[in-house]
Protein backbone atom coordinates (compact mmCIF):
# COMPACT_ATOMS: atom_id res chain seq x y z
CA MET A 1 0.00 0.00 0.00
CA VAL A 2 1.32 3.42 -0.98
CA LYS A 3 1.45 5.72 2.00
CA LEU A 4 0.20 9.23 1.26
CA SER A 5 2.35 12.18 2.26
CA HIS A 6 0.94 14.61 4.81
CA ARG A 7 0.38 17.19 2.07
CA ALA A 8 -1.28 14.70 -0.27
CA LYS A 9 -3.50 13.44 2.55
CA ALA A 10 -4.56 16.99 3.39
CA MET A 11 -5.34 17.69 -0.27
CA ASN A 12 -7.37 14.48 -0.51
CA GLU A 13 -9.35 15.34 2.63
CA ASP A 14 -9.99 18.87 1.37
CA LEU A 15 -11.27 17.44 -1.93
CA LEU A 16 -13.64 15.12 -0.09
CA LEU A 17 -14.77 18.05 2.04
CA ALA A 18 -15.43 20.16 -1.07
CA LEU A 19 -17.47 17.35 -2.65
CA PHE A 20 -19.42 16.86 0.58
CA LEU A 21 -20.23 20.59 0.84
CA LYS A 22 -21.32 20.69 -2.81
CA ALA A 23 -23.70 17.77 -2.26
CA ASN A 24 -25.00 19.39 0.91
CA ASP A 25 -25.59 22.70 -0.88
CA LYS A 26 -27.55 20.93 -3.62
CA ALA A 27 -29.77 19.23 -1.03
CA LYS A 28 -30.33 22.57 0.73
CA MET A 29 -31.24 24.22 -2.57
CA ILE A 30 -33.91 21.59 -3.26
CA ILE A 31 -35.36 21.91 0.25
CA ASN A 32 -35.39 25.73 0.15
CA HIS A 33 -36.98 25.69 -3.29
CA GLU A 34 -39.92 23.77 -1.82
CA LEU A 35 -40.13 26.09 1.20
CA ILE A 36 -40.15 29.19 -1.00
CA LYS A 37 -42.71 27.58 -3.29
CA LYS A 38 -45.01 27.00 -0.31
CA ALA A 39 -44.46 30.58 0.88
CA GLU A 40 -45.50 31.88 -2.55
CA GLN A 41 -48.58 29.62 -2.52
CA ARG A 42 -49.59 31.09 0.84
CA LYS A 43 -49.09 34.57 -0.59
CA GLN A 44 -51.34 33.75 -3.54
CA GLU A 45 -54.02 32.40 -1.20
CA THR A 46 -53.79 35.63 0.84
CA ILE A 47 -54.27 37.73 -2.31
CA GLU A 48 -57.28 35.68 -3.42
CA ASN A 49 -58.86 35.93 0.03
CA PHE A 50 -58.27 39.70 0.04
CA ILE A 51 -60.06 40.07 -3.31
CA ASP A 52 -62.98 37.91 -2.14
CA LYS A 53 -63.40 40.02 1.02
CA SER A 54 -63.18 43.24 -1.01
CA ARG A 55 -65.97 42.03 -3.31
CA GLU A 56 -68.15 41.21 -0.31
CA ARG A 57 -67.69 44.82 0.89
CA GLY A 58 -68.46 46.24 -2.55
CA GLU A 59 -64.91 47.53 -2.98
CA TRP A 60 -64.17 47.12 -6.70
CA VAL A 61 -61.45 49.71 -7.26
CA TYR A 62 -57.86 49.06 -6.20
CA LEU A 63 -55.12 51.58 -5.43
CA ALA A 64 -51.62 50.17 -5.94
CA SER A 65 -48.95 51.16 -3.44
CA SER A 66 -45.85 53.03 -4.62
CA HIS A 67 -42.30 52.94 -3.27
CA ASP A 68 -39.03 54.71 -3.95
CA ASP A 69 -37.15 51.39 -4.09
CA CYS A 70 -39.50 49.92 -6.71
CA ALA A 71 -38.07 47.55 -9.33
CA GLU A 72 -37.58 49.29 -12.70
CA ASP A 73 -40.16 47.19 -14.53
CA HIS A 74 -42.86 47.94 -11.95
CA LYS A 75 -42.43 51.72 -11.78
CA ASP A 76 -44.97 52.37 -14.54
CA TRP A 77 -47.62 50.33 -12.72
CA GLN A 78 -47.31 51.48 -9.12
CA GLY A 79 -49.40 54.25 -7.54
CA LYS A 80 -52.29 53.76 -9.98
CA LEU A 81 -55.95 52.70 -9.83
CA TYR A 82 -57.20 49.37 -11.17
CA VAL A 83 -60.65 47.80 -11.40
CA ASP A 84 -61.81 44.28 -10.66
CA GLU A 85 -62.94 42.67 -13.93
CA LYS A 86 -65.95 41.27 -12.07
CA ALA A 87 -67.14 44.68 -10.90
CA PRO A 88 -70.75 45.80 -11.54
CA LYS A 89 -71.53 47.45 -14.88
CA ASP A 90 -71.51 51.04 -13.56
CA VAL A 91 -68.05 50.55 -12.04
CA ILE A 92 -66.70 49.01 -15.25
CA GLU A 93 -68.12 51.88 -17.34
CA TRP A 94 -66.50 54.43 -15.03
CA ALA A 95 -63.19 52.55 -15.18
CA HIS A 96 -63.32 52.49 -18.99
CA SER A 97 -63.95 56.24 -19.07
CA LYS A 98 -60.78 56.69 -17.02
CA GLY A 99 -58.75 54.24 -19.12
CA LEU A 100 -58.03 51.96 -16.17
CA TYR A 101 -56.50 48.51 -16.51
CA THR A 102 -58.11 45.61 -14.68
CA LEU A 103 -56.71 44.22 -11.47
CA GLN A 104 -56.44 40.78 -13.04
CA TRP A 105 -54.45 42.06 -16.02
CA VAL A 106 -51.80 43.88 -13.98
CA MET A 107 -51.36 40.89 -11.65
CA GLY A 108 -50.82 38.57 -14.61
CA LYS A 109 -48.41 38.31 -17.52
CA PRO A 110 -46.33 40.32 -18.43
CA VAL A 111 -46.40 42.63 -15.37
CA TRP A 112 -46.99 40.20 -12.46
CA PHE A 113 -47.66 43.15 -10.14
CA ILE A 114 -47.71 41.93 -6.49
CA THR A 115 -47.86 38.29 -7.68
CA ARG A 116 -44.19 38.06 -8.65
CA PRO A 117 -41.97 36.42 -6.00
CA ASN A 118 -40.54 39.01 -3.61
CA CYS A 119 -42.67 41.87 -4.97
CA ARG A 120 -43.37 44.18 -2.01
CA HIS A 121 -46.25 46.20 -3.46
CA TYR A 122 -49.80 45.87 -2.19
CA PHE A 123 -53.33 47.09 -2.97
CA VAL A 124 -55.92 49.04 -1.02
CA SER A 125 -59.46 48.20 -2.15
CA LEU A 126 -62.04 51.00 -2.28
CA PRO A 127 -65.71 51.46 -3.23
CA LEU A 128 -66.44 53.61 -6.28
CA ASP A 129 -67.90 56.49 -4.26
CA LYS A 130 -64.58 56.91 -2.42
CA VAL A 131 -62.57 57.38 -5.63
CA LYS A 132 -65.00 58.80 -8.19
CA ASP A 133 -64.25 62.48 -7.61
CA LYS A 134 -60.77 62.14 -6.13
CA SER A 135 -57.37 62.47 -7.78
CA VAL A 136 -54.92 59.61 -7.38
CA LYS A 137 -52.55 62.01 -5.61
CA LYS A 138 -55.17 62.71 -2.93
CA LEU A 139 -55.97 59.02 -2.55
CA VAL A 140 -52.30 58.15 -2.07
CA LYS A 141 -52.02 60.81 0.62
CA LYS A 142 -55.26 59.79 2.37
CA TYR A 143 -54.53 56.06 2.45
CA LYS A 144 -50.77 56.47 2.96
CA THR A 145 -49.85 54.07 0.15
CA HIS A 146 -46.52 55.66 -0.71
CA SER A 147 -43.35 54.83 1.22
CA ILE A 148 -39.60 54.84 0.72
CA GLU A 149 -39.46 51.04 0.93
CA GLY A 150 -41.95 48.35 -0.04
CA ASN A 151 -43.83 46.10 2.35
CA TYR A 152 -41.38 43.44 3.56
CA GLU A 153 -44.21 41.34 4.97
CA LEU A 154 -45.02 40.38 1.37
CA GLN A 155 -41.47 39.36 0.52
CA THR A 156 -40.24 35.77 0.71
CA PRO A 157 -38.60 35.71 4.16
CA LYS A 158 -34.83 36.03 4.48
CA LYS A 159 -35.14 33.75 7.52
CA LEU A 160 -34.83 30.78 5.16
CA ILE A 161 -31.37 31.92 4.10
CA ILE A 162 -30.29 32.54 7.69
CA ALA A 163 -31.47 29.07 8.75
CA GLU A 164 -29.59 27.51 5.83
CA TYR A 165 -26.29 29.13 6.79
CA GLU A 166 -26.78 28.34 10.49
CA ASP A 167 -27.32 24.66 9.64
CA ARG A 168 -24.24 24.72 7.44
CA LEU A 169 -22.21 26.28 10.27
CA LYS A 170 -23.25 23.53 12.70
CA MET A 171 -22.21 20.89 10.19
CA LEU A 172 -18.85 22.55 9.53
CA ARG A 173 -18.07 22.87 13.24
CA ALA A 174 -18.91 19.21 13.77
CA LEU A 175 -16.56 18.25 10.93
CA TYR A 176 -13.84 20.48 12.33
CA ARG A 177 -13.95 18.66 15.66
CA GLU A 178 -13.18 15.45 13.78
CA HIS A 179 -10.76 16.83 11.20
CA GLN A 180 -8.98 20.14 11.74
CA SER A 181 -7.68 21.75 8.56
CA GLN A 182 -7.11 25.29 7.38
CA ALA A 183 -9.51 24.84 4.48
CA LEU A 184 -12.27 23.79 6.87
CA ARG A 185 -11.40 26.62 9.25
CA ASN A 186 -11.70 29.11 6.38
CA LYS A 187 -15.13 27.67 5.51
CA ILE A 188 -16.27 28.17 9.10
CA LEU A 189 -15.07 31.79 9.21
CA LYS A 190 -16.74 32.57 5.88
CA THR A 191 -20.03 30.99 6.97
CA GLU A 192 -19.96 32.88 10.29
CA LEU A 193 -19.63 36.13 8.33
CA LEU A 194 -22.55 35.15 6.07
CA VAL A 195 -24.76 34.39 9.07
CA GLU A 196 -24.01 37.81 10.58
CA LYS A 197 -24.50 39.53 7.22
CA TRP A 198 -27.97 38.07 6.69
CA LYS A 199 -29.00 38.62 10.31
CA ASP A 200 -28.03 42.30 10.01
CA TYR A 201 -29.90 42.55 6.70
CA HIS A 202 -33.03 40.96 8.16
CA TYR A 203 -32.92 43.15 11.30
CA ASN A 204 -32.38 46.39 9.40
CA ASN A 205 -34.87 45.74 6.59
CA SER A 206 -37.61 43.45 7.86
CA ARG A 207 -40.89 44.76 9.19
CA LEU A 208 -42.08 41.42 10.49
């Protein structure tokens, strides 16, 4: 049997470690994909429930929120009024006279307003008599739908990323207790920095 040199053994162990981490990352990616998918499904259910409740209250017109940090492709669609395509005839006729798009159109392809993953816009539903003789500017001011940043409660939580890195850190520390190497130590330090980075981001930006 050929005896490996100390350097060759270390290189071999580091290669195995790299392969192990790659496999672990792939597994994490699959798991997180499912978690995010479920989060988006819950968001869609929340939107549908909101529309149902608005219809029950006779609120057929929707004011879209607006934010200074809006994504470029949503800037033309924020801060505007939309109408539910299932609104009564008089509401639809008024909406047509104003050139309004339907709520369903703006939430679908190609805009995906509020329905796109991580979109932080939202709608305020209103009855026709509350908007008929009002300018959009006055409505935005009255219902406080403009802000510097979007609503983080509607964004896919960053907690998933934090949990992923914390799990990875536990695994790395356990490996380090069994096999101490500089490569592994560097991985631990890097992961510790990532955990702190995402915790700071979540604390400073989340409104949950």
